[in-house]
């Protein structure tokens, strides 16, 4: 069996679809199934068993001998909330228990870390283990992910193969439920459809022009392949960046969205909310040297092609991956 946690969510639901496409149907999905606002993300997927998040650890202990690999993609991902107790419970302690069971039963583990662990980027974006302790995350979500990475690197007892994947700015289908936390492309599509214009945040730093904020945007379809590849190819265990290695501006992203809609570019710049200004990443770009050194395939989708596919095949059609 293959376990996928956070299965109702954006990346994990797409990964269940990816597994089905590879021919795997013995998939155990784990999430908070009391909340069904994301149920369409798993509609029509081939699933072996559904296990509520609160019951999973007990279920896992009993069925561990049947589990081939765990893809722990579930997490509380609200980057604005400062509810440290919730992040400690769901992102830190819960992950430690999954690690413990995987270790005890020699089960490979792939888990979701985050590029948010790098903070403002002052120390770069290298996934080298010796640099981890210097990074300073900017919010409670990022700190919880960072703390788990730090804890993992101190463990002497580990799963046979383990990989902590630091996802950069992922966009694509199945993020309909994410509201404020959805990608800029998702919000751009709605804004352009409603008003013919796109609003982006002004820069509050003199070294970045409005719209010149830079992120490593990566299409979710590339991410799904990379999540599988790291397990399938089995490089040395460790932390790995999951990005393109080629940062692009928000202005470029906005223009690509207009182009995908066959509309003239019309971008306006608005003030950034006060609660985001001190926690905002102006530049992210994955250092993919470890990934390349491991012989793993790099993402192949350009920003323009990814935005076009997302807009035309999914957003315009209201379709799911």
C-alpha atoms as a PDB file:
ATOM      1  CA  UNK A   1       0.000   0.000   0.000  1.00  0.00           C
ATOM      2  CA  UNK A   2       0.981   3.598  -0.606  1.00  0.00           C
ATOM      3  CA  UNK A   3      -0.015   6.156   2.039  1.00  0.00           C
ATOM      4  CA  UNK A   4      -0.687   9.780   1.063  1.00  0.00           C
ATOM      5  CA  UNK A   5      -1.454  12.244   3.861  1.00  0.00           C
ATOM      6  CA  UNK A   6      -3.199  15.564   3.294  1.00  0.00           C
ATOM      7  CA  UNK A   7      -4.947  13.825   0.420  1.00  0.00           C
ATOM      8  CA  UNK A   8      -7.779  16.339   0.067  1.00  0.00           C
ATOM      9  CA  UNK A   9      -5.250  19.121  -0.404  1.00  0.00           C
ATOM     10  CA  UNK A  10      -3.733  20.769  -3.439  1.00  0.00           C
ATOM     11  CA  UNK A  11      -0.526  18.819  -4.095  1.00  0.00           C
ATOM     12  CA  UNK A  12      -1.512  15.556  -2.401  1.00  0.00           C
ATOM     13  CA  UNK A  13      -4.791  15.157  -4.319  1.00  0.00           C
ATOM     14  CA  UNK A  14      -2.906  15.702  -7.561  1.00  0.00           C
ATOM     15  CA  UNK A  15      -0.384  13.123  -6.411  1.00  0.00           C
ATOM     16  CA  UNK A  16      -3.141  10.541  -5.866  1.00  0.00           C
ATOM     17  CA  UNK A  17      -4.184  11.179  -9.468  1.00  0.00           C
ATOM     18  CA  UNK A  18      -0.557  10.785 -10.563  1.00  0.00           C
ATOM     19  CA  UNK A  19      -0.283   7.454  -8.744  1.00  0.00           C
ATOM     20  CA  UNK A  20      -3.460   6.249 -10.443  1.00  0.00           C
ATOM     21  CA  UNK A  21      -1.988   7.217 -13.809  1.00  0.00           C
ATOM     22  CA  UNK A  22       1.067   5.111 -12.971  1.00  0.00           C
ATOM     23  CA  UNK A  23      -1.269   2.187 -12.285  1.00  0.00           C
ATOM     24  CA  UNK A  24      -1.318   2.299  -8.471  1.00  0.00           C
ATOM     25  CA  UNK A  25      -4.747   1.881  -6.890  1.00  0.00           C
ATOM     26  CA  UNK A  26      -3.705   0.515  -3.477  1.00  0.00           C
ATOM     27  CA  UNK A  27      -3.601   4.056  -2.123  1.00  0.00           C
ATOM     28  CA  UNK A  28      -4.540   4.918   1.462  1.00  0.00           C
ATOM     29  CA  UNK A  29      -5.618   8.554   1.741  1.00  0.00           C
ATOM     30  CA  UNK A  30      -5.382  10.444   5.030  1.00  0.00           C
ATOM     31  CA  UNK A  31      -6.970  13.799   5.877  1.00  0.00           C
ATOM     32  CA  UNK A  32      -9.610  15.530   7.986  1.00  0.00           C
ATOM     33  CA  UNK A  33     -12.627  13.961   6.329  1.00  0.00           C
ATOM     34  CA  UNK A  34     -15.041  15.845   8.582  1.00  0.00           C
ATOM     35  CA  UNK A  35     -14.407  18.834   6.306  1.00  0.00           C
ATOM     36  CA  UNK A  36     -15.723  18.136   2.843  1.00  0.00           C
ATOM     37  CA  UNK A  37     -15.227  21.468   1.103  1.00  0.00           C
ATOM     38  CA  UNK A  38     -12.336  19.862  -0.821  1.00  0.00           C
ATOM     39  CA  UNK A  39     -14.074  16.601  -1.749  1.00  0.00           C
ATOM     40  CA  UNK A  40     -13.936  17.285  -5.506  1.00  0.00           C
ATOM     41  CA  UNK A  41     -10.132  17.029  -5.315  1.00  0.00           C
ATOM     42  CA  UNK A  42     -10.476  13.254  -4.811  1.00  0.00           C
ATOM     43  CA  UNK A  43     -13.546  12.642  -6.941  1.00  0.00           C
ATOM     44  CA  UNK A  44     -13.149   9.701  -9.340  1.00  0.00           C
ATOM     45  CA  UNK A  45      -9.775   8.718  -7.853  1.00  0.00           C
ATOM     46  CA  UNK A  46      -9.067   5.028  -7.281  1.00  0.00           C
ATOM     47  CA  UNK A  47      -8.492   4.623  -3.541  1.00  0.00           C
ATOM     48  CA  UNK A  48      -7.967   1.553  -1.354  1.00  0.00           C
ATOM     49  CA  UNK A  49      -8.851   3.077   2.012  1.00  0.00           C
ATOM     50  CA  UNK A  50      -9.852   6.418   3.568  1.00  0.00           C
ATOM     51  CA  UNK A  51      -8.494   7.110   7.066  1.00  0.00           C
ATOM     52  CA  UNK A  52      -9.254  10.183   9.137  1.00  0.00           C
ATOM     53  CA  UNK A  53      -6.191  12.101  10.299  1.00  0.00           C
ATOM     54  CA  UNK A  54      -6.997  11.578  13.988  1.00  0.00           C
ATOM     55  CA  UNK A  55      -7.206   7.801  13.507  1.00  0.00           C
ATOM     56  CA  UNK A  56      -4.289   7.356  11.151  1.00  0.00           C
ATOM     57  CA  UNK A  57      -1.414   6.828  13.589  1.00  0.00           C
ATOM     58  CA  UNK A  58      -3.222   3.925  15.224  1.00  0.00           C
ATOM     59  CA  UNK A  59      -4.194   2.550  11.810  1.00  0.00           C
ATOM     60  CA  UNK A  60      -0.590   2.894  10.627  1.00  0.00           C
ATOM     61  CA  UNK A  61       0.774   0.970  13.611  1.00  0.00           C
ATOM     62  CA  UNK A  62      -1.590  -1.916  12.843  1.00  0.00           C
ATOM     63  CA  UNK A  63      -1.045  -2.011   9.073  1.00  0.00           C
ATOM     64  CA  UNK A  64       2.638  -1.014   8.814  1.00  0.00           C
ATOM     65  CA  UNK A  65       3.663  -4.401   7.458  1.00  0.00           C
ATOM     66  CA  UNK A  66       1.493  -3.737   4.392  1.00  0.00           C
ATOM     67  CA  UNK A  67       2.781  -0.205   3.688  1.00  0.00           C
ATOM     68  CA  UNK A  68       5.428   0.226   0.983  1.00  0.00           C
ATOM     69  CA  UNK A  69       5.990   3.991   1.293  1.00  0.00           C
ATOM     70  CA  UNK A  70       4.499   7.047   2.991  1.00  0.00           C
ATOM     71  CA  UNK A  71       4.127  10.362   1.174  1.00  0.00           C
ATOM     72  CA  UNK A  72       3.474  12.729   4.074  1.00  0.00           C
ATOM     73  CA  UNK A  73       2.154  15.766   2.209  1.00  0.00           C
ATOM     74  CA  UNK A  74      -0.381  16.916   4.792  1.00  0.00           C
ATOM     75  CA  UNK A  75       0.206  20.035   6.896  1.00  0.00           C
ATOM     76  CA  UNK A  76      -1.423  23.147   8.257  1.00  0.00           C
ATOM     77  CA  UNK A  77      -0.271  25.634   5.616  1.00  0.00           C
ATOM     78  CA  UNK A  78      -1.740  28.999   6.675  1.00  0.00           C
ATOM     79  CA  UNK A  79       1.160  31.433   6.385  1.00  0.00           C
ATOM     80  CA  UNK A  80      -0.727  34.250   8.160  1.00  0.00           C
ATOM     81  CA  UNK A  81      -1.844  32.376  11.290  1.00  0.00           C
ATOM     82  CA  UNK A  82       0.397  32.540  14.364  1.00  0.00           C
ATOM     83  CA  UNK A  83      -1.379  29.729  16.244  1.00  0.00           C
ATOM     84  CA  UNK A  84       1.834  28.026  17.312  1.00  0.00           C
ATOM     85  CA  UNK A  85       0.043  25.271  19.249  1.00  0.00           C
ATOM     86  CA  UNK A  86      -1.769  24.092  16.107  1.00  0.00           C
ATOM     87  CA  UNK A  87       1.394  24.117  14.012  1.00  0.00           C
ATOM     88  CA  UNK A  88       3.286  22.246  16.738  1.00  0.00           C
ATOM     89  CA  UNK A  89       0.582  19.595  16.884  1.00  0.00           C
ATOM     90  CA  UNK A  90      -0.085  19.055  13.174  1.00  0.00           C
ATOM     91  CA  UNK A  91       3.196  19.953  11.470  1.00  0.00           C
ATOM     92  CA  UNK A  92       5.761  18.980  14.069  1.00  0.00           C
ATOM     93  CA  UNK A  93       4.580  16.338  16.555  1.00  0.00           C
ATOM     94  CA  UNK A  94       2.346  14.481  14.072  1.00  0.00           C
ATOM     95  CA  UNK A  95       5.239  14.311  11.601  1.00  0.00           C
ATOM     96  CA  UNK A  96       7.544  12.961  14.303  1.00  0.00           C
ATOM     97  CA  UNK A  97       5.116  10.119  14.968  1.00  0.00           C
ATOM     98  CA  UNK A  98       4.967   9.231  11.277  1.00  0.00           C
ATOM     99  CA  UNK A  99       8.775   9.273  11.173  1.00  0.00           C
ATOM    100  CA  UNK A 100       8.916   7.033  14.246  1.00  0.00           C
ATOM    101  CA  UNK A 101       6.605   4.414  12.745  1.00  0.00           C
ATOM    102  CA  UNK A 102       8.357   4.486   9.377  1.00  0.00           C
ATOM    103  CA  UNK A 103      11.678   3.999  11.139  1.00  0.00           C
ATOM    104  CA  UNK A 104      10.435   1.140  13.309  1.00  0.00           C
ATOM    105  CA  UNK A 105       9.042  -0.732  10.301  1.00  0.00           C
ATOM    106  CA  UNK A 106      11.698   0.239   7.702  1.00  0.00           C
ATOM    107  CA  UNK A 107       9.238   2.125   5.500  1.00  0.00           C
ATOM    108  CA  UNK A 108      10.528   4.816   3.096  1.00  0.00           C
ATOM    109  CA  UNK A 109       9.232   8.316   3.858  1.00  0.00           C
ATOM    110  CA  UNK A 110       8.835  11.330   1.586  1.00  0.00           C
ATOM    111  CA  UNK A 111       7.580  14.418   3.411  1.00  0.00           C
ATOM    112  CA  UNK A 112       6.692  17.974   2.496  1.00  0.00           C
ATOM    113  CA  UNK A 113       8.974  20.666   3.827  1.00  0.00           C
ATOM    114  CA  UNK A 114       8.779  24.168   2.344  1.00  0.00           C
ATOM    115  CA  UNK A 115      10.861  26.903   0.748  1.00  0.00           C
ATOM    116  CA  UNK A 116       9.313  29.151   3.404  1.00  0.00           C
ATOM    117  CA  UNK A 117      11.946  27.690   5.756  1.00  0.00           C
ATOM    118  CA  UNK A 118      14.539  29.898   4.007  1.00  0.00           C
ATOM    119  CA  UNK A 119      13.026  33.105   5.395  1.00  0.00           C
ATOM    120  CA  UNK A 120      13.836  36.295   3.523  1.00  0.00           C
ATOM    121  CA  UNK A 121      16.533  34.627   1.440  1.00  0.00           C
ATOM    122  CA  UNK A 122      19.391  36.535   3.063  1.00  0.00           C
ATOM    123  CA  UNK A 123      21.327  33.266   3.430  1.00  0.00           C
ATOM    124  CA  UNK A 124      20.378  31.863   0.058  1.00  0.00           C
ATOM    125  CA  UNK A 125      18.292  28.838  -0.881  1.00  0.00           C
ATOM    126  CA  UNK A 126      20.634  25.897  -0.575  1.00  0.00           C
ATOM    127  CA  UNK A 127      19.325  22.561   0.683  1.00  0.00           C
ATOM    128  CA  UNK A 128      22.772  21.607   2.061  1.00  0.00           C
ATOM    129  CA  UNK A 129      22.306  20.102   5.517  1.00  0.00           C
ATOM    130  CA  UNK A 130      25.151  22.028   7.113  1.00  0.00           C
ATOM    131  CA  UNK A 131      23.390  25.335   6.321  1.00  0.00           C
ATOM    132  CA  UNK A 132      19.975  24.512   7.769  1.00  0.00           C
ATOM    133  CA  UNK A 133      20.497  26.075  11.202  1.00  0.00           C
ATOM    134  CA  UNK A 134      21.303  29.511   9.786  1.00  0.00           C
ATOM    135  CA  UNK A 135      17.903  30.037   8.156  1.00  0.00           C
ATOM    136  CA  UNK A 136      15.319  32.224   9.912  1.00  0.00           C
ATOM    137  CA  UNK A 137      11.706  31.512   8.871  1.00  0.00           C
ATOM    138  CA  UNK A 138       9.314  34.463   8.834  1.00  0.00           C
ATOM    139  CA  UNK A 139       6.068  32.925  10.163  1.00  0.00           C
ATOM    140  CA  UNK A 140       4.739  30.162  12.406  1.00  0.00           C
ATOM    141  CA  UNK A 141       3.994  27.802   9.510  1.00  0.00           C
ATOM    142  CA  UNK A 142       7.538  28.107   8.174  1.00  0.00           C
ATOM    143  CA  UNK A 143       9.041  27.720  11.650  1.00  0.00           C
ATOM    144  CA  UNK A 144       7.156  24.460  12.189  1.00  0.00           C
ATOM    145  CA  UNK A 145       8.486  23.068   8.916  1.00  0.00           C
ATOM    146  CA  UNK A 146      11.989  24.288   9.730  1.00  0.00           C
ATOM    147  CA  UNK A 147      11.905  22.761  13.198  1.00  0.00           C
ATOM    148  CA  UNK A 148      10.930  19.386  11.777  1.00  0.00           C
ATOM    149  CA  UNK A 149      13.795  19.540   9.263  1.00  0.00           C
ATOM    150  CA  UNK A 150      16.185  20.340  12.102  1.00  0.00           C
ATOM    151  CA  UNK A 151      14.809  17.500  14.223  1.00  0.00           C
ATOM    152  CA  UNK A 152      15.092  15.022  11.342  1.00  0.00           C
ATOM    153  CA  UNK A 153      18.736  15.854  10.739  1.00  0.00           C
ATOM    154  CA  UNK A 154      19.550  15.020  14.370  1.00  0.00           C
ATOM    155  CA  UNK A 155      18.005  11.545  14.256  1.00  0.00           C
ATOM    156  CA  UNK A 156      20.303   8.535  14.369  1.00  0.00           C
ATOM    157  CA  UNK A 157      17.441   6.121  13.699  1.00  0.00           C
ATOM    158  CA  UNK A 158      15.822   6.814  10.340  1.00  0.00           C
ATOM    159  CA  UNK A 159      13.618   5.216   7.700  1.00  0.00           C
ATOM    160  CA  UNK A 160      15.620   3.257   5.080  1.00  0.00           C
ATOM    161  CA  UNK A 161      15.178   6.132   2.624  1.00  0.00           C
ATOM    162  CA  UNK A 162      13.797   9.537   3.565  1.00  0.00           C
ATOM    163  CA  UNK A 163      13.384  12.793   1.677  1.00  0.00           C
ATOM    164  CA  UNK A 164      12.248  16.211   2.901  1.00  0.00           C
ATOM    165  CA  UNK A 165      11.071  18.173  -0.120  1.00  0.00           C
ATOM    166  CA  UNK A 166      11.252  21.958   0.035  1.00  0.00           C
ATOM    167  CA  UNK A 167       8.471  23.043  -2.310  1.00  0.00           C
ATOM    168  CA  UNK A 168       8.847  26.480  -3.840  1.00  0.00           C
ATOM    169  CA  UNK A 169       5.905  28.440  -5.351  1.00  0.00           C
ATOM    170  CA  UNK A 170       3.626  25.714  -6.649  1.00  0.00           C
ATOM    171  CA  UNK A 171       0.636  26.573  -8.831  1.00  0.00           C
ATOM    172  CA  UNK A 172      -1.890  24.535 -10.763  1.00  0.00           C
ATOM    173  CA  UNK A 173      -5.191  22.626 -10.610  1.00  0.00           C
ATOM    174  CA  UNK A 174      -6.863  21.452  -7.385  1.00  0.00           C
ATOM    175  CA  UNK A 175      -6.199  24.661  -5.429  1.00  0.00           C
ATOM    176  CA  UNK A 176      -9.783  25.919  -5.751  1.00  0.00           C
ATOM    177  CA  UNK A 177     -10.334  25.587  -1.992  1.00  0.00           C
ATOM    178  CA  UNK A 178      -7.297  27.570  -0.850  1.00  0.00           C
ATOM    179  CA  UNK A 179      -8.921  31.029  -0.894  1.00  0.00           C
ATOM    180  CA  UNK A 180      -6.364  33.654   0.187  1.00  0.00           C
ATOM    181  CA  UNK A 181      -3.571  31.069   0.149  1.00  0.00           C
ATOM    182  CA  UNK A 182      -4.153  30.092  -3.504  1.00  0.00           C
ATOM    183  CA  UNK A 183      -1.542  30.972  -6.126  1.00  0.00           C
ATOM    184  CA  UNK A 184      -1.357  34.388  -7.753  1.00  0.00           C
ATOM    185  CA  UNK A 185      -2.387  32.781 -11.044  1.00  0.00           C
ATOM    186  CA  UNK A 186      -5.621  31.506  -9.502  1.00  0.00           C
ATOM    187  CA  UNK A 187      -6.467  34.992  -8.207  1.00  0.00           C
ATOM    188  CA  UNK A 188      -5.324  36.596 -11.467  1.00  0.00           C
ATOM    189  CA  UNK A 189      -7.695  34.428 -13.492  1.00  0.00           C
ATOM    190  CA  UNK A 190     -10.633  35.538 -11.343  1.00  0.00           C
ATOM    191  CA  UNK A 191      -9.652  39.211 -11.362  1.00  0.00           C
ATOM    192  CA  UNK A 192      -9.094  39.357 -15.102  1.00  0.00           C
ATOM    193  CA  UNK A 193     -12.370  37.572 -15.745  1.00  0.00           C
ATOM    194  CA  UNK A 194     -14.272  39.960 -13.467  1.00  0.00           C
ATOM    195  CA  UNK A 195     -12.582  43.285 -14.278  1.00  0.00           C
ATOM    196  CA  UNK A 196     -10.244  42.829 -17.226  1.00  0.00           C
ATOM    197  CA  UNK A 197      -7.386  43.893 -14.958  1.00  0.00           C
ATOM    198  CA  UNK A 198      -4.931  42.314 -12.517  1.00  0.00           C
ATOM    199  CA  UNK A 199      -3.917  43.826  -9.182  1.00  0.00           C
ATOM    200  CA  UNK A 200      -0.469  43.011  -7.832  1.00  0.00           C
ATOM    201  CA  UNK A 201       1.216  44.204  -4.652  1.00  0.00           C
ATOM    202  CA  UNK A 202       3.454  47.226  -4.773  1.00  0.00           C
ATOM    203  CA  UNK A 203       7.015  46.740  -3.650  1.00  0.00           C
ATOM    204  CA  UNK A 204       7.955  48.120  -0.258  1.00  0.00           C
ATOM    205  CA  UNK A 205      11.659  47.737  -0.898  1.00  0.00           C
ATOM    206  CA  UNK A 206      13.655  50.182  -3.037  1.00  0.00           C
ATOM    207  CA  UNK A 207      15.679  47.398  -4.685  1.00  0.00           C
ATOM    208  CA  UNK A 208      12.555  45.848  -6.250  1.00  0.00           C
ATOM    209  CA  UNK A 209      10.222  47.690  -8.604  1.00  0.00           C
ATOM    210  CA  UNK A 210       6.480  47.128  -8.449  1.00  0.00           C
ATOM    211  CA  UNK A 211       5.848  43.739 -10.047  1.00  0.00           C
ATOM    212  CA  UNK A 212       9.548  42.988  -9.876  1.00  0.00           C
ATOM    213  CA  UNK A 213       9.257  40.709  -6.870  1.00  0.00           C
ATOM    214  CA  UNK A 214      10.741  37.369  -7.941  1.00  0.00           C
ATOM    215  CA  UNK A 215       9.661  33.841  -7.121  1.00  0.00           C
ATOM    216  CA  UNK A 216      10.529  30.342  -8.263  1.00  0.00           C
ATOM    217  CA  UNK A 217       7.159  29.353  -9.727  1.00  0.00           C
ATOM    218  CA  UNK A 218       6.775  25.643 -10.461  1.00  0.00           C
ATOM    219  CA  UNK A 219       3.835  23.890 -12.098  1.00  0.00           C
ATOM    220  CA  UNK A 220       2.176  21.265  -9.943  1.00  0.00           C
ATOM    221  CA  UNK A 221       2.455  18.611 -12.672  1.00  0.00           C
ATOM    222  CA  UNK A 222       6.253  18.930 -12.497  1.00  0.00           C
ATOM    223  CA  UNK A 223       6.068  18.733  -8.703  1.00  0.00           C
ATOM    224  CA  UNK A 224       4.084  15.495  -8.808  1.00  0.00           C
ATOM    225  CA  UNK A 225       6.684  13.863 -11.026  1.00  0.00           C
ATOM    226  CA  UNK A 226       9.494  15.103  -8.790  1.00  0.00           C
ATOM    227  CA  UNK A 227       7.803  13.719  -5.654  1.00  0.00           C
ATOM    228  CA  UNK A 228       7.609  10.330  -7.332  1.00  0.00           C
ATOM    229  CA  UNK A 229      11.091  10.508  -8.875  1.00  0.00           C
ATOM    230  CA  UNK A 230      12.849  11.072  -5.568  1.00  0.00           C
ATOM    231  CA  UNK A 231      11.260   7.894  -4.203  1.00  0.00           C
ATOM    232  CA  UNK A 232      11.635   5.896  -7.405  1.00  0.00           C
ATOM    233  CA  UNK A 233      15.292   6.811  -8.087  1.00  0.00           C
ATOM    234  CA  UNK A 234      16.324   6.605  -4.408  1.00  0.00           C
ATOM    235  CA  UNK A 235      19.148   9.156  -4.265  1.00  0.00           C
ATOM    236  CA  UNK A 236      20.922   9.678  -0.915  1.00  0.00           C
ATOM    237  CA  UNK A 237      18.430  10.484   1.829  1.00  0.00           C
ATOM    238  CA  UNK A 238      18.112  14.126   2.786  1.00  0.00           C
ATOM    239  CA  UNK A 239      16.512  17.493   2.153  1.00  0.00           C
ATOM    240  CA  UNK A 240      15.910  18.444  -1.474  1.00  0.00           C
ATOM    241  CA  UNK A 241      14.655  21.618  -3.090  1.00  0.00           C
ATOM    242  CA  UNK A 242      11.717  21.236  -5.462  1.00  0.00           C
ATOM    243  CA  UNK A 243      11.725  24.213  -7.801  1.00  0.00           C
ATOM    244  CA  UNK A 244      12.765  25.206 -11.302  1.00  0.00           C
ATOM    245  CA  UNK A 245      15.982  26.978 -10.344  1.00  0.00           C
ATOM    246  CA  UNK A 246      14.851  29.891 -12.546  1.00  0.00           C
ATOM    247  CA  UNK A 247      13.062  32.713 -10.717  1.00  0.00           C
ATOM    248  CA  UNK A 248      10.532  34.878 -12.578  1.00  0.00           C
ATOM    249  CA  UNK A 249       8.825  38.161 -11.722  1.00  0.00           C
ATOM    250  CA  UNK A 250       5.197  38.567 -10.734  1.00  0.00           C
ATOM    251  CA  UNK A 251       4.879  40.894 -13.707  1.00  0.00           C
ATOM    252  CA  UNK A 252       5.928  38.024 -16.010  1.00  0.00           C
ATOM    253  CA  UNK A 253       3.448  35.722 -14.328  1.00  0.00           C
ATOM    254  CA  UNK A 254       0.666  38.260 -14.771  1.00  0.00           C
ATOM    255  CA  UNK A 255       1.520  38.776 -18.425  1.00  0.00           C
ATOM    256  CA  UNK A 256       1.523  35.015 -18.995  1.00  0.00           C
ATOM    257  CA  UNK A 257      -1.972  34.800 -17.488  1.00  0.00           C
ATOM    258  CA  UNK A 258      -3.316  37.540 -19.775  1.00  0.00           C
ATOM    259  CA  UNK A 259      -1.693  35.798 -22.741  1.00  0.00           C
ATOM    260  CA  UNK A 260      -3.297  32.466 -21.802  1.00  0.00           C
ATOM    261  CA  UNK A 261      -6.661  34.254 -21.789  1.00  0.00           C
ATOM    262  CA  UNK A 262      -5.924  35.980 -25.114  1.00  0.00           C
ATOM    263  CA  UNK A 263      -6.301  39.389 -23.472  1.00  0.00           C
ATOM    264  CA  UNK A 264      -4.205  42.544 -23.414  1.00  0.00           C
ATOM    265  CA  UNK A 265      -2.048  42.914 -20.302  1.00  0.00           C
ATOM    266  CA  UNK A 266      -3.479  45.423 -17.810  1.00  0.00           C
ATOM    267  CA  UNK A 267      -1.764  45.356 -14.406  1.00  0.00           C
ATOM    268  CA  UNK A 268      -2.418  47.730 -11.487  1.00  0.00           C
ATOM    269  CA  UNK A 269      -0.338  47.886  -8.302  1.00  0.00           C
ATOM    270  CA  UNK A 270      -1.912  48.072  -4.841  1.00  0.00           C
ATOM    271  CA  UNK A 271      -0.615  48.424  -1.288  1.00  0.00           C
ATOM    272  CA  UNK A 272       0.482  45.230   0.410  1.00  0.00           C
ATOM    273  CA  UNK A 273      -1.524  44.376   3.559  1.00  0.00           C
ATOM    274  CA  UNK A 274       0.210  45.402   6.762  1.00  0.00           C
ATOM    275  CA  UNK A 275       0.166  41.836   8.127  1.00  0.00           C
ATOM    276  CA  UNK A 276       2.259  40.609   5.189  1.00  0.00           C
ATOM    277  CA  UNK A 277       4.907  43.299   4.789  1.00  0.00           C
ATOM    278  CA  UNK A 278       7.365  42.043   7.393  1.00  0.00           C
ATOM    279  CA  UNK A 279       6.885  38.410   6.378  1.00  0.00           C
ATOM    280  CA  UNK A 280       7.015  38.773   2.616  1.00  0.00           C
ATOM    281  CA  UNK A 281       9.614  36.973   0.508  1.00  0.00           C
ATOM    282  CA  UNK A 282      10.773  39.248  -2.318  1.00  0.00           C
ATOM    283  CA  UNK A 283      13.053  36.679  -3.915  1.00  0.00           C
ATOM    284  CA  UNK A 284      13.058  32.902  -3.986  1.00  0.00           C
ATOM    285  CA  UNK A 285      15.027  30.679  -6.328  1.00  0.00           C
ATOM    286  CA  UNK A 286      15.718  27.037  -5.674  1.00  0.00           C
ATOM    287  CA  UNK A 287      19.331  25.920  -5.699  1.00  0.00           C
ATOM    288  CA  UNK A 288      18.892  22.677  -7.651  1.00  0.00           C
ATOM    289  CA  UNK A 289      22.532  21.538  -7.569  1.00  0.00           C
ATOM    290  CA  UNK A 290      21.886  18.641  -5.164  1.00  0.00           C
ATOM    291  CA  UNK A 291      18.928  17.476  -7.252  1.00  0.00           C
ATOM    292  CA  UNK A 292      21.020  17.556 -10.433  1.00  0.00           C
ATOM    293  CA  UNK A 293      23.973  15.858  -8.748  1.00  0.00           C
ATOM    294  CA  UNK A 294      21.656  13.006  -7.748  1.00  0.00           C
ATOM    295  CA  UNK A 295      20.827  12.471 -11.431  1.00  0.00           C
ATOM    296  CA  UNK A 296      17.166  13.367 -10.951  1.00  0.00           C
ATOM    297  CA  UNK A 297      15.177  14.872 -13.856  1.00  0.00           C
ATOM    298  CA  UNK A 298      14.642  18.627 -13.626  1.00  0.00           C
ATOM    299  CA  UNK A 299      11.194  20.183 -14.142  1.00  0.00           C
ATOM    300  CA  UNK A 300      10.492  20.711 -17.827  1.00  0.00           C
ATOM    301  CA  UNK A 301       7.523  23.112 -17.909  1.00  0.00           C
ATOM    302  CA  UNK A 302       8.179  26.816 -18.543  1.00  0.00           C
ATOM    303  CA  UNK A 303       6.149  29.437 -16.682  1.00  0.00           C
ATOM    304  CA  UNK A 304       4.344  30.385 -19.881  1.00  0.00           C
ATOM    305  CA  UNK A 305       3.469  26.787 -20.767  1.00  0.00           C
ATOM    306  CA  UNK A 306       2.402  25.953 -17.218  1.00  0.00           C
ATOM    307  CA  UNK A 307       0.161  28.996 -16.915  1.00  0.00           C
ATOM    308  CA  UNK A 308      -1.371  28.287 -20.331  1.00  0.00           C
ATOM    309  CA  UNK A 309      -2.144  24.677 -19.405  1.00  0.00           C
ATOM    310  CA  UNK A 310      -3.561  25.635 -16.003  1.00  0.00           C
ATOM    311  CA  UNK A 311      -5.751  28.427 -17.371  1.00  0.00           C
ATOM    312  CA  UNK A 312      -7.011  26.768 -20.529  1.00  0.00           C
ATOM    313  CA  UNK A 313      -7.351  23.139 -19.436  1.00  0.00           C
ATOM    314  CA  UNK A 314      -8.442  23.606 -15.815  1.00  0.00           C
ATOM    315  CA  UNK A 315      -9.527  27.089 -14.688  1.00  0.00           C
ATOM    316  CA  UNK A 316     -11.550  27.869 -17.810  1.00  0.00           C
ATOM    317  CA  UNK A 317     -13.205  24.462 -17.609  1.00  0.00           C
ATOM    318  CA  UNK A 318     -13.547  24.231 -13.820  1.00  0.00           C
ATOM    319  CA  UNK A 319     -11.680  20.931 -14.142  1.00  0.00           C
ATOM    320  CA  UNK A 320      -9.669  18.948 -11.595  1.00  0.00           C
ATOM    321  CA  UNK A 321      -6.450  16.991 -11.939  1.00  0.00           C
END
